Amino acid sequence: MSCQPYPGGGGIAGRRTSGDQDLPMPPSLRRAVRLMWAGAGLALLGTIVTLVLSGRIKTEVFNAARKNDAIARRSGRTGYTIPQLHTVASVTFAALVAAGIISILLWVWMAWANNRGSGWARIIASVLFALITVEVVLARSRSSVSFLFILLEWVIGLVAIVLLWQRDTTAYIGPA
């Protein structure tokens, strides 16, 4: 089965021009790019919330590590010292902030690349969506604000991926 080309030529970025004018971007691709920008904004908001709740996050991590440490001591293993527990809490918090920043950058990169009509960007966006799906599955046991942000990003990603693989977007971008 073959798709009809997008009106005016279709194909990869270099073949999208008709004379001196670029062909208009299909609505499905435009919506997908807007959703990617919204995903970046949501990731930014999630990172800001992480920073605002830093004390609470570190306390929860510290208490969880301390609880696991007490279980380990009862079984005869040596546990963490208080400074080590603080280090675990700080490293966990730093990892959460770094993950938020990476998420923002990936959303922005995908919005930029898909806006240009890059076929490879649609494939990378699909792979990144698969990764966030794994993250949602692994994080579903957490009942926290962070899971809410992950779930909302997943929903935005799902709709964006569906739009990226619409027939008119495929005709505009060309085969991957």
Protein backbone atom coordinates (compact mmCIF):
# COMPACT_ATOMS: atom_id res chain seq x y z
CA MET A 1 0.00 0.00 0.00
CA SER A 2 1.41 3.37 -0.89
CA CYS A 3 0.47 6.80 0.38
CA GLN A 4 -0.39 9.66 -1.89
CA PRO A 5 2.17 12.45 -1.65
CA TYR A 6 1.31 15.60 0.23
CA PRO A 7 -0.19 18.18 -2.17
CA GLY A 8 2.57 19.91 -4.05
CA GLY A 9 5.25 17.24 -3.86
CA GLY A 10 5.76 15.96 -0.34
CA GLY A 11 8.87 14.10 0.66
CA ILE A 12 11.88 14.92 2.76
CA ALA A 13 12.81 18.47 3.76
CA GLY A 14 14.83 19.11 0.60
CA ARG A 15 11.92 18.11 -1.65
CA ARG A 16 9.18 20.08 0.11
CA THR A 17 9.66 23.25 -1.83
CA SER A 18 7.61 24.16 -4.86
CA GLY A 19 9.38 26.99 -6.60
CA ASP A 20 10.42 29.58 -4.03
CA GLN A 21 7.66 28.79 -1.49
CA ASP A 22 7.61 26.08 1.15
CA LEU A 23 4.53 23.94 1.28
CA PRO A 24 2.40 24.38 4.37
CA MET A 25 2.98 22.02 7.25
CA PRO A 26 0.09 19.59 7.70
CA PRO A 27 -2.11 20.29 10.73
CA SER A 28 -1.23 16.94 12.35
CA LEU A 29 2.49 17.77 12.36
CA ARG A 30 1.83 21.32 13.60
CA ARG A 31 -0.25 19.95 16.50
CA ALA A 32 2.39 17.34 17.33
CA VAL A 33 5.10 20.02 17.50
CA ARG A 34 2.90 22.20 19.71
CA LEU A 35 2.33 19.24 22.01
CA MET A 36 6.09 18.71 22.20
CA TRP A 37 6.53 22.31 23.30
CA ALA A 38 3.79 21.72 25.89
CA GLY A 39 5.69 18.62 27.03
CA ALA A 40 8.81 20.76 27.49
CA GLY A 41 6.79 23.24 29.53
CA LEU A 42 5.37 20.46 31.67
CA ALA A 43 8.86 19.02 32.22
CA LEU A 44 10.05 22.50 33.23
CA LEU A 45 7.17 22.83 35.67
CA GLY A 46 7.96 19.39 37.11
CA THR A 47 11.60 20.36 37.57
CA ILE A 48 10.61 23.58 39.32
CA VAL A 49 8.30 21.62 41.63
CA THR A 50 11.19 19.25 42.38
CA LEU A 51 13.40 22.20 43.30
CA VAL A 52 10.70 23.76 45.46
CA LEU A 53 10.10 20.48 47.30
CA SER A 54 13.80 19.71 47.71
CA GLY A 55 13.70 19.52 51.51
CA ARG A 56 10.70 17.21 51.51
CA ILE A 57 12.20 14.98 48.80
CA LYS A 58 15.52 14.69 50.63
CA THR A 59 13.71 13.87 53.89
CA GLU A 60 11.65 11.13 52.24
CA VAL A 61 14.72 9.61 50.60
CA PHE A 62 16.68 9.86 53.86
CA ASN A 63 13.88 8.16 55.82
CA ALA A 64 13.47 5.40 53.22
CA ALA A 65 17.22 4.74 53.18
CA ARG A 66 17.28 4.73 56.98
CA LYS A 67 14.41 2.24 57.08
CA ASN A 68 16.19 -0.07 54.61
CA ASP A 69 19.37 0.40 56.62
CA ALA A 70 17.61 -0.72 59.83
CA ILE A 71 16.37 -3.85 58.06
CA ALA A 72 19.91 -4.57 56.85
CA ARG A 73 21.33 -4.18 60.37
CA ARG A 74 18.80 -6.65 61.79
CA SER A 75 20.05 -9.22 59.30
CA GLY A 76 23.63 -8.71 60.48
CA ARG A 77 24.91 -6.45 57.71
CA THR A 78 26.55 -3.13 58.41
CA GLY A 79 24.43 -0.10 57.68
CA TYR A 80 24.94 3.42 56.50
CA THR A 81 26.29 6.20 58.64
CA ILE A 82 24.24 9.39 58.97
CA PRO A 83 26.53 11.30 56.56
CA GLN A 84 26.16 8.47 54.03
CA LEU A 85 22.37 8.67 54.33
CA HIS A 86 22.53 12.42 53.68
CA THR A 87 24.71 11.75 50.66
CA VAL A 88 22.19 9.21 49.30
CA ALA A 89 19.40 11.78 49.73
CA SER A 90 21.39 14.55 48.04
CA VAL A 91 22.48 12.36 45.11
CA THR A 92 18.91 11.15 44.59
CA PHE A 93 17.64 14.74 44.57
CA ALA A 94 20.38 15.79 42.12
CA ALA A 95 19.47 12.86 39.86
CA LEU A 96 15.82 13.95 39.85
CA VAL A 97 16.78 17.51 38.86
CA ALA A 98 19.17 16.22 36.16
CA ALA A 99 16.45 13.94 34.79
CA GLY A 100 14.08 16.92 34.65
CA ILE A 101 16.58 19.03 32.74
CA ILE A 102 17.30 16.18 30.32
CA SER A 103 13.56 15.73 29.78
CA ILE A 104 13.16 19.43 28.96
CA LEU A 105 16.03 19.30 26.47
CA LEU A 106 14.68 16.17 24.77
CA TRP A 107 11.21 17.70 24.36
CA VAL A 108 12.72 20.89 22.89
CA TRP A 109 15.02 18.92 20.57
CA MET A 110 12.14 16.79 19.29
CA ALA A 111 9.91 19.84 18.77
CA TRP A 112 12.67 21.58 16.81
CA ALA A 113 13.60 18.55 14.70
CA ASN A 114 10.03 17.51 13.93
CA ASN A 115 9.14 21.11 13.08
CA ARG A 116 11.84 20.91 10.39
CA GLY A 117 10.17 17.79 8.98
CA SER A 118 13.06 15.44 9.76
CA GLY A 119 12.12 11.81 9.23
CA TRP A 120 14.72 10.60 11.74
CA ALA A 121 13.18 12.84 14.43
CA ARG A 122 9.87 11.02 14.18
CA ILE A 123 11.65 7.71 14.80
CA ILE A 124 13.67 9.13 17.73
CA ALA A 125 10.47 10.61 19.19
CA SER A 126 8.87 7.15 18.99
CA VAL A 127 11.84 5.56 20.78
CA LEU A 128 11.72 8.25 23.48
CA PHE A 129 7.99 7.60 23.87
CA ALA A 130 8.74 3.91 24.40
CA LEU A 131 11.25 4.88 27.10
CA ILE A 132 8.78 7.12 28.92
CA THR A 133 6.26 4.26 28.72
CA VAL A 134 8.75 2.07 30.58
CA GLU A 135 9.24 4.89 33.09
CA VAL A 136 5.48 5.11 33.68
CA VAL A 137 5.28 1.35 34.25
CA LEU A 138 8.20 1.42 36.71
CA ALA A 139 6.96 4.54 38.53
CA ARG A 140 3.30 3.54 38.85
CA SER A 141 3.79 2.30 42.41
CA ARG A 142 4.74 5.82 43.50
CA SER A 143 1.82 7.93 44.57
CA SER A 144 3.42 11.30 44.36
CA VAL A 145 3.44 14.52 42.42
CA SER A 146 6.38 13.27 40.33
CA PHE A 147 4.28 10.37 39.02
CA LEU A 148 1.54 12.80 38.02
CA PHE A 149 4.03 14.79 35.92
CA ILE A 150 5.41 11.60 34.36
CA LEU A 151 1.89 10.43 33.50
CA LEU A 152 0.91 13.79 31.99
CA GLU A 153 4.10 13.83 29.89
CA TRP A 154 3.25 10.30 28.73
CA VAL A 155 -0.25 11.37 27.62
CA ILE A 156 1.19 14.35 25.72
CA GLY A 157 3.76 12.04 24.14
CA LEU A 158 1.10 9.52 23.14
CA VAL A 159 -1.00 12.11 21.33
CA ALA A 160 2.10 13.62 19.68
CA ILE A 161 3.26 10.21 18.43
CA VAL A 162 -0.18 9.40 17.03
CA LEU A 163 -0.13 12.74 15.19
CA LEU A 164 3.43 12.18 13.92
CA TRP A 165 2.41 8.92 12.27
CA GLN A 166 -0.72 10.30 10.57
CA ARG A 167 -0.89 9.77 6.82
CA ASP A 168 -0.59 13.49 5.96
CA THR A 169 2.48 13.86 8.19
CA THR A 170 4.09 10.82 6.58
CA ALA A 171 3.40 12.25 3.13
CA TYR A 172 4.91 15.59 4.14
CA ILE A 173 8.02 14.16 5.80
CA GLY A 174 8.50 11.23 3.47
CA PRO A 175 9.42 7.67 4.32
CA ALA A 176 11.75 7.28 7.29
